[in-house]
Amino acid sequence: MSHYRRNYEKGGTYFFTLVTYMRQKIFIGPPINMLRTSFNKIARETPFRIEAIVVLPDHVHCIWQLPEADNNFSIRWKKIKGEFSKCYQEKFGKMGLPNSASMQKKGEVGIWQRRFWEHTIRDENDFCIHCDYIHYNPVKHGYAQMPNQWPYSSFRRFVKAGVYDEAWGSMQEPEFSGDIGGE
């Protein structure tokens, strides 16, 4: 078994992938707003900046910039996942959520996979490649024909800033190396 070690850099920029437990399509309708509210609440408590994001029905990709003197993205994810899970259960209860003996023992509910994928952004090129991956992801998974059709991403903010043309990703699929995304 490999011993994966996370890379913690103060003020670092990171790409993340978080997946729902057993790829349940949870982020549809009201839960998307619950997730947004959870992000905002935790960002006020323990600041970070979301540089790019896409929320799909069963997973989230995003890039964060942490404050200069801070490297603890893990506690932020723990809080976001916990806040979302609490809000979700208050609204929908636990009905229909997987709940194994192992999960019960750990006090977990079947909303999130236990771990998440993290990648430290190395430079501007790496940042751009991961932004492209994030914004093209709804097309890759068949939720949209063009990135501009998916409402739950930062794509429109990037278009407004002049990073992308409105039609980016509609004519040709970007090429990504096999190690990007962590899906």
Protein backbone atom coordinates (compact mmCIF):
# COMPACT_ATOMS: atom_id res chain seq x y z
CA MET A 1 0.00 0.00 0.00
CA SER A 2 1.37 3.42 -0.92
CA HIS A 3 1.76 6.13 1.69
CA TYR A 4 0.37 9.24 0.06
CA ARG A 5 1.61 12.49 1.57
CA ARG A 6 -0.16 15.76 0.94
CA ASN A 7 1.89 18.79 0.00
CA TYR A 8 1.18 21.70 2.34
CA GLU A 9 2.58 25.05 1.16
CA LYS A 10 1.79 28.28 2.96
CA GLY A 11 -0.04 30.56 0.57
CA GLY A 12 -0.24 27.70 -1.94
CA THR A 13 -2.57 27.31 -4.87
CA TYR A 14 -4.24 23.91 -5.13
CA PHE A 15 -6.47 21.96 -7.48
CA PHE A 16 -9.00 19.66 -5.76
CA THR A 17 -11.45 16.95 -6.73
CA LEU A 18 -14.14 15.88 -4.27
CA VAL A 19 -16.55 13.10 -5.10
CA THR A 20 -19.85 12.07 -3.54
CA TYR A 21 -20.10 8.69 -1.87
CA MET A 22 -20.69 6.00 -4.52
CA ARG A 23 -21.02 8.79 -7.12
CA GLN A 24 -24.53 9.71 -5.97
CA LYS A 25 -25.95 12.60 -7.97
CA ILE A 26 -26.56 14.85 -4.96
CA PHE A 27 -25.70 18.27 -6.40
CA ILE A 28 -28.95 18.88 -8.24
CA GLY A 29 -31.39 21.65 -7.28
CA PRO A 30 -31.33 22.97 -3.68
CA PRO A 31 -28.16 21.09 -2.63
CA ILE A 32 -26.14 23.25 -5.05
CA ASN A 33 -27.15 26.33 -3.05
CA MET A 34 -26.39 24.46 0.19
CA LEU A 35 -22.91 23.73 -1.12
CA ARG A 36 -22.43 27.39 -2.13
CA THR A 37 -23.58 28.49 1.34
CA SER A 38 -21.20 26.00 2.98
CA PHE A 39 -18.26 27.30 0.92
CA ASN A 40 -19.09 30.91 1.80
CA LYS A 41 -19.51 30.22 5.52
CA ILE A 42 -16.21 28.37 5.84
CA ALA A 43 -14.37 30.94 3.68
CA ARG A 44 -15.48 33.63 6.15
CA GLU A 45 -14.25 31.55 9.11
CA THR A 46 -10.99 30.32 7.56
CA PRO A 47 -10.30 32.45 4.47
CA PHE A 48 -9.37 31.12 1.06
CA ARG A 49 -10.12 32.28 -2.47
CA ILE A 50 -11.80 30.10 -5.08
CA GLU A 51 -9.95 30.78 -8.33
CA ALA A 52 -11.98 28.36 -10.48
CA ILE A 53 -14.77 25.86 -9.80
CA VAL A 54 -17.24 23.48 -11.38
CA VAL A 55 -19.96 21.60 -9.53
CA LEU A 56 -21.32 18.51 -11.28
CA PRO A 57 -24.06 16.26 -9.89
CA ASP A 58 -21.57 13.82 -8.30
CA HIS A 59 -18.31 15.71 -7.91
CA VAL A 60 -16.62 19.09 -7.55
CA HIS A 61 -13.38 20.41 -9.05
CA CYS A 62 -11.88 23.66 -7.86
CA ILE A 63 -8.71 25.67 -7.49
CA TRP A 64 -8.06 27.51 -4.23
CA GLN A 65 -5.54 30.13 -3.23
CA LEU A 66 -4.71 30.01 0.48
CA PRO A 67 -3.60 33.00 2.57
CA GLU A 68 0.15 33.73 2.76
CA ALA A 69 0.72 32.27 6.23
CA ASP A 70 -1.69 29.34 5.96
CA ASN A 71 -1.41 25.88 4.42
CA ASN A 72 -4.29 23.98 6.01
CA PHE A 73 -6.65 23.15 3.19
CA SER A 74 -7.60 19.84 4.87
CA ILE A 75 -9.38 21.53 7.79
CA ARG A 76 -11.29 23.72 5.35
CA TRP A 77 -12.49 20.68 3.41
CA LYS A 78 -13.45 18.92 6.63
CA LYS A 79 -15.51 21.94 7.66
CA ILE A 80 -17.12 22.40 4.22
CA LYS A 81 -18.04 18.72 3.98
CA GLY A 82 -19.38 18.76 7.55
CA GLU A 83 -21.40 21.94 7.05
CA PHE A 84 -22.90 20.68 3.81
CA SER A 85 -23.73 17.28 5.35
CA LYS A 86 -25.44 18.96 8.31
CA CYS A 87 -27.53 21.22 6.05
CA TYR A 88 -28.38 18.34 3.71
CA GLN A 89 -29.58 16.14 6.56
CA GLU A 90 -31.63 18.97 8.08
CA LYS A 91 -33.44 19.44 4.76
CA PHE A 92 -33.65 15.88 3.44
CA GLY A 93 -32.88 13.58 6.38
CA LYS A 94 -30.79 10.42 6.02
CA MET A 95 -33.32 8.52 3.93
CA GLY A 96 -31.78 7.03 0.83
CA LEU A 97 -28.20 7.74 1.92
CA PRO A 98 -25.85 4.76 2.23
CA ASN A 99 -24.95 4.02 5.84
CA SER A 100 -22.64 1.02 6.33
CA ALA A 101 -21.54 -0.34 9.71
CA SER A 102 -18.13 1.28 9.17
CA MET A 103 -19.78 4.64 8.49
CA GLN A 104 -22.01 4.34 11.56
CA LYS A 105 -18.97 3.53 13.70
CA LYS A 106 -17.22 6.70 12.47
CA GLY A 107 -20.35 8.87 12.71
CA GLU A 108 -20.42 9.39 8.94
CA VAL A 109 -23.33 9.70 6.56
CA GLY A 110 -23.10 8.55 2.94
CA ILE A 111 -22.71 11.93 1.26
CA TRP A 112 -18.97 12.30 0.57
CA GLN A 113 -16.12 9.97 -0.23
CA ARG A 114 -13.74 10.05 2.73
CA ARG A 115 -10.78 11.47 0.89
CA PHE A 116 -10.17 14.03 -1.83
CA TRP A 117 -7.68 14.54 -4.62
CA GLU A 118 -5.26 17.43 -4.26
CA HIS A 119 -2.61 18.77 -6.62
CA THR A 120 -0.31 21.70 -5.92
CA ILE A 121 -0.36 24.18 -8.80
CA ARG A 122 3.26 24.63 -9.86
CA ASP A 123 3.18 27.58 -12.23
CA GLU A 124 1.00 29.68 -14.54
CA ASN A 125 0.87 26.98 -17.22
CA ASP A 126 -0.22 24.36 -14.66
CA PHE A 127 -2.89 26.79 -13.42
CA CYS A 128 -4.22 27.34 -16.96
CA ILE A 129 -4.32 23.61 -17.75
CA HIS A 130 -6.29 22.91 -14.56
CA CYS A 131 -8.69 25.79 -15.26
CA ASP A 132 -9.29 24.34 -18.73
CA TYR A 133 -9.93 20.93 -17.17
CA ILE A 134 -12.40 22.41 -14.68
CA HIS A 135 -14.32 24.38 -17.27
CA TYR A 136 -14.43 21.58 -19.86
CA ASN A 137 -15.55 18.96 -17.31
CA PRO A 138 -19.34 19.35 -17.87
CA VAL A 139 -18.77 18.63 -21.58
CA LYS A 140 -16.48 15.69 -20.81
CA HIS A 141 -19.21 14.10 -18.66
CA GLY A 142 -22.03 14.84 -21.12
CA TYR A 143 -23.88 17.46 -19.05
CA ALA A 144 -23.40 20.19 -21.66
CA GLN A 145 -22.34 20.48 -25.28
CA MET A 146 -20.26 23.59 -24.57
CA PRO A 147 -18.71 24.88 -21.34
CA ASN A 148 -20.81 28.08 -21.52
CA GLN A 149 -24.00 25.99 -21.19
CA TRP A 150 -23.17 24.70 -17.70
CA PRO A 151 -24.42 27.15 -15.04
CA TYR A 152 -22.46 25.76 -12.07
CA SER A 153 -18.94 26.84 -12.91
CA SER A 154 -16.69 29.86 -12.95
CA PHE A 155 -16.55 29.76 -16.77
CA ARG A 156 -18.62 32.95 -17.21
CA ARG A 157 -16.34 34.83 -14.81
CA PHE A 158 -13.36 33.77 -16.96
CA VAL A 159 -15.16 34.89 -20.15
CA LYS A 160 -15.94 38.26 -18.54
CA ALA A 161 -12.26 38.62 -17.57
CA GLY A 162 -11.21 37.90 -21.18
CA VAL A 163 -9.50 34.58 -20.41
CA TYR A 164 -11.87 32.57 -22.61
CA ASP A 165 -13.98 33.34 -25.63
CA GLU A 166 -17.67 32.49 -25.10
CA ALA A 167 -17.35 29.62 -27.61
CA TRP A 168 -14.20 28.11 -26.02
CA GLY A 169 -14.36 24.33 -25.92
CA SER A 170 -17.21 24.05 -28.41
CA MET A 171 -15.24 23.23 -31.54
CA GLN A 172 -12.36 21.16 -30.25
CA GLU A 173 -11.85 19.15 -27.08
CA PRO A 174 -8.80 20.33 -25.14
CA GLU A 175 -6.12 17.71 -24.61
CA PHE A 176 -5.31 16.74 -21.03
CA SER A 177 -2.64 14.43 -19.69
CA GLY A 178 -3.81 11.27 -17.97
CA ASP A 179 -2.77 12.44 -14.50
CA ILE A 180 -5.01 15.49 -14.28
CA GLY A 181 -8.29 15.54 -12.38
CA GLY A 182 -8.07 12.72 -9.87
CA GLU A 183 -11.48 11.34 -10.86
